[in-house]
Amino acid sequence: MYSPKIDENQIQRLYRLRESLRESGEKATMTAMVRDAVEEYLIENENRQKKTDTKQLDRHPRIDIMKEMEEKSYPLISA
């Protein structure tokens, strides 16, 4: 199993944030906070990757040729 190495500074900041949350009445473990942060990161970057994949698909040469053929009303032949 992967054991992440977290920068000591980040651990200290996370600890202070957790303590601050506790003072305001919110209960959160540092592990839960890290899980939430990782989940947000994954969602953001998965969405970014999907957009990149879509843009690359739009630029695919075969698709461009097919679009051009459709615009010129040539019948498409399935491969």
N, C-alpha and C. Protein backbone atom coordinates (compact mmCIF):
# COMPACT_ATOMS: atom_id res chain seq x y z
N MET A 1 0.84 -1.18 0.00
CA MET A 1 0.00 0.00 0.00
C MET A 1 0.88 1.25 0.00
N TYR A 2 0.39 2.28 -0.65
CA TYR A 2 1.13 3.54 -0.75
C TYR A 2 1.09 4.29 0.58
N SER A 3 2.24 4.74 1.01
CA SER A 3 2.33 5.53 2.22
C SER A 3 2.86 6.91 1.84
N PRO A 4 1.97 7.91 1.75
CA PRO A 4 2.40 9.22 1.28
C PRO A 4 3.35 9.91 2.26
N LYS A 5 4.25 10.65 1.71
CA LYS A 5 5.17 11.46 2.50
C LYS A 5 4.67 12.89 2.43
N ILE A 6 4.27 13.40 3.56
CA ILE A 6 3.72 14.76 3.62
C ILE A 6 4.76 15.67 4.25
N ASP A 7 4.93 16.82 3.65
CA ASP A 7 5.88 17.80 4.14
C ASP A 7 5.54 18.20 5.58
N GLU A 8 6.55 18.29 6.42
CA GLU A 8 6.36 18.62 7.83
C GLU A 8 5.59 19.93 8.01
N ASN A 9 5.90 20.91 7.18
CA ASN A 9 5.21 22.20 7.25
C ASN A 9 3.71 22.02 7.00
N GLN A 10 3.36 21.19 6.04
CA GLN A 10 1.95 20.95 5.74
C GLN A 10 1.25 20.26 6.91
N ILE A 11 1.93 19.34 7.56
CA ILE A 11 1.36 18.66 8.72
C ILE A 11 1.07 19.66 9.84
N GLN A 12 2.03 20.55 10.08
CA GLN A 12 1.84 21.56 11.12
C GLN A 12 0.67 22.48 10.79
N ARG A 13 0.57 22.91 9.54
CA ARG A 13 -0.53 23.78 9.11
C ARG A 13 -1.87 23.06 9.24
N LEU A 14 -1.89 21.79 8.87
CA LEU A 14 -3.11 21.01 8.97
C LEU A 14 -3.52 20.85 10.43
N TYR A 15 -2.56 20.62 11.30
CA TYR A 15 -2.83 20.48 12.73
C TYR A 15 -3.42 21.77 13.29
N ARG A 16 -2.82 22.90 12.93
CA ARG A 16 -3.34 24.19 13.41
C ARG A 16 -4.76 24.45 12.89
N LEU A 17 -5.01 24.08 11.65
CA LEU A 17 -6.34 24.24 11.09
C LEU A 17 -7.35 23.36 11.83
N ARG A 18 -6.96 22.12 12.11
CA ARG A 18 -7.85 21.23 12.84
C ARG A 18 -8.17 21.79 14.23
N GLU A 19 -7.15 22.31 14.91
CA GLU A 19 -7.37 22.89 16.23
C GLU A 19 -8.30 24.10 16.15
N SER A 20 -8.13 24.90 15.14
CA SER A 20 -8.97 26.06 14.94
C SER A 20 -10.43 25.63 14.70
N LEU A 21 -10.61 24.59 13.91
CA LEU A 21 -11.96 24.08 13.66
C LEU A 21 -12.60 23.55 14.94
N ARG A 22 -11.80 22.86 15.73
CA ARG A 22 -12.31 22.32 17.00
C ARG A 22 -12.77 23.44 17.93
N GLU A 23 -12.00 24.54 17.96
CA GLU A 23 -12.37 25.68 18.81
C GLU A 23 -13.70 26.28 18.39
N SER A 24 -13.99 26.20 17.09
CA SER A 24 -15.26 26.75 16.60
C SER A 24 -16.38 25.70 16.61
N GLY A 25 -16.09 24.54 17.22
CA GLY A 25 -17.13 23.53 17.39
C GLY A 25 -17.21 22.46 16.32
N GLU A 26 -16.37 22.52 15.31
CA GLU A 26 -16.39 21.51 14.25
C GLU A 26 -15.42 20.39 14.61
N LYS A 27 -15.88 19.17 14.40
CA LYS A 27 -15.00 18.03 14.66
C LYS A 27 -14.53 17.47 13.32
N ALA A 28 -13.24 17.35 13.19
CA ALA A 28 -12.66 16.78 11.98
C ALA A 28 -11.31 16.17 12.33
N THR A 29 -11.06 14.99 11.81
CA THR A 29 -9.74 14.40 12.01
C THR A 29 -8.84 14.89 10.89
N MET A 30 -7.56 14.85 11.13
CA MET A 30 -6.61 15.27 10.09
C MET A 30 -6.71 14.32 8.90
N THR A 31 -6.94 13.04 9.16
CA THR A 31 -7.08 12.07 8.06
C THR A 31 -8.28 12.42 7.19
N ALA A 32 -9.40 12.75 7.82
CA ALA A 32 -10.60 13.12 7.06
C ALA A 32 -10.36 14.39 6.24
N MET A 33 -9.63 15.34 6.83
CA MET A 33 -9.33 16.59 6.11
C MET A 33 -8.47 16.30 4.89
N VAL A 34 -7.50 15.42 5.03
CA VAL A 34 -6.63 15.06 3.90
C VAL A 34 -7.43 14.33 2.83
N ARG A 35 -8.30 13.41 3.26
CA ARG A 35 -9.14 12.69 2.29
C ARG A 35 -9.99 13.67 1.49
N ASP A 36 -10.60 14.64 2.17
CA ASP A 36 -11.43 15.64 1.49
C ASP A 36 -10.61 16.44 0.48
N ALA A 37 -9.41 16.83 0.88
CA ALA A 37 -8.56 17.62 0.00
C ALA A 37 -8.14 16.80 -1.22
N VAL A 38 -7.80 15.54 -1.01
CA VAL A 38 -7.40 14.68 -2.13
C VAL A 38 -8.59 14.46 -3.06
N GLU A 39 -9.77 14.24 -2.51
CA GLU A 39 -10.96 14.03 -3.33
C GLU A 39 -11.25 15.26 -4.19
N GLU A 40 -11.18 16.46 -3.60
CA GLU A 40 -11.38 17.69 -4.38
C GLU A 40 -10.35 17.79 -5.50
N TYR A 41 -9.11 17.48 -5.21
CA TYR A 41 -8.03 17.53 -6.21
C TYR A 41 -8.33 16.56 -7.35
N LEU A 42 -8.73 15.34 -7.00
CA LEU A 42 -9.01 14.34 -8.04
C LEU A 42 -10.17 14.76 -8.92
N ILE A 43 -11.23 15.23 -8.31
CA ILE A 43 -12.39 15.66 -9.09
C ILE A 43 -12.02 16.79 -10.04
N GLU A 44 -11.31 17.78 -9.53
CA GLU A 44 -10.90 18.93 -10.36
C GLU A 44 -10.04 18.48 -11.54
N ASN A 45 -9.08 17.61 -11.28
CA ASN A 45 -8.17 17.19 -12.34
C ASN A 45 -8.78 16.16 -13.27
N GLU A 46 -9.70 15.35 -12.79
CA GLU A 46 -10.41 14.44 -13.69
C GLU A 46 -11.28 15.23 -14.65
N ASN A 47 -11.94 16.28 -14.16
CA ASN A 47 -12.75 17.14 -15.03
C ASN A 47 -11.88 17.85 -16.05
N ARG A 48 -10.72 18.34 -15.60
CA ARG A 48 -9.78 18.99 -16.51
C ARG A 48 -9.31 18.01 -17.59
N GLN A 49 -9.04 16.77 -17.20
CA GLN A 49 -8.58 15.75 -18.15
C GLN A 49 -9.67 15.43 -19.16
N LYS A 50 -10.93 15.35 -18.71
CA LYS A 50 -12.03 15.08 -19.63
C LYS A 50 -12.14 16.19 -20.67
N LYS A 51 -11.97 17.45 -20.24
CA LYS A 51 -12.03 18.57 -21.17
C LYS A 51 -10.89 18.49 -22.17
N THR A 52 -9.69 18.12 -21.71
CA THR A 52 -8.53 17.99 -22.59
C THR A 52 -8.76 16.87 -23.58
N ASP A 53 -9.29 15.73 -23.12
CA ASP A 53 -9.56 14.60 -24.00
C ASP A 53 -10.57 14.99 -25.07
N THR A 54 -11.60 15.75 -24.69
CA THR A 54 -12.61 16.18 -25.64
C THR A 54 -12.01 17.10 -26.68
N LYS A 55 -11.15 18.02 -26.25
CA LYS A 55 -10.51 18.93 -27.20
C LYS A 55 -9.62 18.17 -28.15
N GLN A 56 -8.89 17.17 -27.66
CA GLN A 56 -8.02 16.37 -28.52
C GLN A 56 -8.84 15.57 -29.51
N LEU A 57 -9.98 15.05 -29.07
CA LEU A 57 -10.85 14.29 -29.94
C LEU A 57 -11.38 15.19 -31.05
N ASP A 58 -11.72 16.44 -30.70
CA ASP A 58 -12.22 17.39 -31.70
C ASP A 58 -11.16 17.70 -32.75
N ARG A 59 -9.89 17.57 -32.40
CA ARG A 59 -8.81 17.89 -33.34
C ARG A 59 -8.32 16.67 -34.11
N HIS A 60 -8.95 15.53 -33.93
CA HIS A 60 -8.51 14.31 -34.60
C HIS A 60 -8.71 14.46 -36.11
N PRO A 61 -7.67 14.16 -36.92
CA PRO A 61 -7.76 14.38 -38.38
C PRO A 61 -8.92 13.65 -39.04
N ARG A 62 -9.16 12.40 -38.67
CA ARG A 62 -10.25 11.65 -39.29
C ARG A 62 -11.60 12.31 -39.01
N ILE A 63 -11.77 12.79 -37.78
CA ILE A 63 -13.02 13.46 -37.43
C ILE A 63 -13.17 14.75 -38.24
N ASP A 64 -12.07 15.48 -38.42
CA ASP A 64 -12.12 16.71 -39.22
C ASP A 64 -12.54 16.40 -40.65
N ILE A 65 -12.01 15.32 -41.23
CA ILE A 65 -12.35 14.93 -42.60
C ILE A 65 -13.83 14.55 -42.67
N MET A 66 -14.30 13.80 -41.67
CA MET A 66 -15.70 13.39 -41.66
C MET A 66 -16.61 14.60 -41.55
N LYS A 67 -16.24 15.57 -40.71
CA LYS A 67 -17.04 16.78 -40.58
C LYS A 67 -17.09 17.53 -41.90
N GLU A 68 -15.92 17.59 -42.56
CA GLU A 68 -15.86 18.29 -43.84
C GLU A 68 -16.75 17.59 -44.87
N MET A 69 -16.73 16.27 -44.87
CA MET A 69 -17.56 15.52 -45.82
C MET A 69 -19.04 15.77 -45.54
N GLU A 70 -19.42 15.82 -44.27
CA GLU A 70 -20.81 16.08 -43.92
C GLU A 70 -21.23 17.48 -44.38
N GLU A 71 -20.32 18.44 -44.22
CA GLU A 71 -20.62 19.81 -44.61
C GLU A 71 -20.81 19.92 -46.12
N LYS A 72 -20.07 19.12 -46.88
CA LYS A 72 -20.16 19.15 -48.33
C LYS A 72 -21.22 18.19 -48.86
N SER A 73 -21.94 17.54 -47.94
CA SER A 73 -23.02 16.61 -48.27
C SER A 73 -22.56 15.38 -49.03
N TYR A 74 -21.32 14.94 -48.78
CA TYR A 74 -20.87 13.67 -49.33
C TYR A 74 -21.43 12.56 -48.46
N PRO A 75 -21.88 11.46 -49.07
CA PRO A 75 -22.37 10.36 -48.25
C PRO A 75 -21.19 9.72 -47.48
N LEU A 76 -21.41 9.43 -46.22
CA LEU A 76 -20.38 8.80 -45.41
C LEU A 76 -20.47 7.29 -45.56
N ILE A 77 -19.32 6.68 -45.69
CA ILE A 77 -19.23 5.22 -45.78
C ILE A 77 -18.66 4.72 -44.47
N SER A 78 -19.36 3.81 -43.82
CA SER A 78 -18.87 3.29 -42.54
C SER A 78 -17.70 2.36 -42.79
N ALA A 79 -16.71 2.49 -41.89
CA ALA A 79 -15.53 1.64 -42.03
C ALA A 79 -15.72 0.35 -41.28
